[in-house]
């Protein structure tokens, strides 16, 4: 993740800590609590996006196995419900295509496994309306498909990996932009009401708001002091 984004995430984390520490001051303000709630959700989204990006960038064997297990766990209920539907409707062809045990789903190479998982999704999706009474939802199909796609990107030399990395990076930056816009347009403005009534709270908030800038200024200050010391040091010593 870019250093600029790391600084922004640290700033948001620090800001939320300050706000939680002073919750008794602003909790009665609906616009304020709504904005803080949205910022908290955006922080959680960013953390999930960062985690997924890092896993995808350098997937460990454990991460890949975990993703395979997740794909299986999400596929089993789909297969079970569709198998029951096939039995009830006397559709032997469909039953043969979806009646898998957990061990049967695991069989084959990683690529064969991935193709099987995607195939199951393709078979079940057109039958969604008929499968609703059996407990199948579109959200379940989408979640299974996303899990399998992520597993595929973890495979060596996956052509989809770079595409997904870029897509994740773009979504992460978009979420950061939303969070910064929320701060500039809403929380920063709402904080003005507390500038005089709760000056300590306002100061804490503003200090947290500029943490990234403060870190850069502190670094420049240390470098300047170091140069001044070197200039004052007698030559030859």
Foldseek 3Di string as FASTA:
>chain_A
DDPVVVLLLQLLVLLLVLCVVVVVVCVVPPLQVVLSVLLVVLSVVLVVLVVLLVCLVPPDPVNLVVLLVVLLVLLVLLLVLQLVVCVVVVPVVSNVLRVDDSVRLPDDDLVVSLVSSVVSLVSCVVVQVVSVVSPDDPVSSVVSNVSSVSSQSNDPPRPCSVVVSVVSVVVSVVSSVVSVCSVVPGVVVVLVVCCPVPVVSSVSNVCSNCVVVVVVVVVVVVVVVVVVVVVPDDPPD
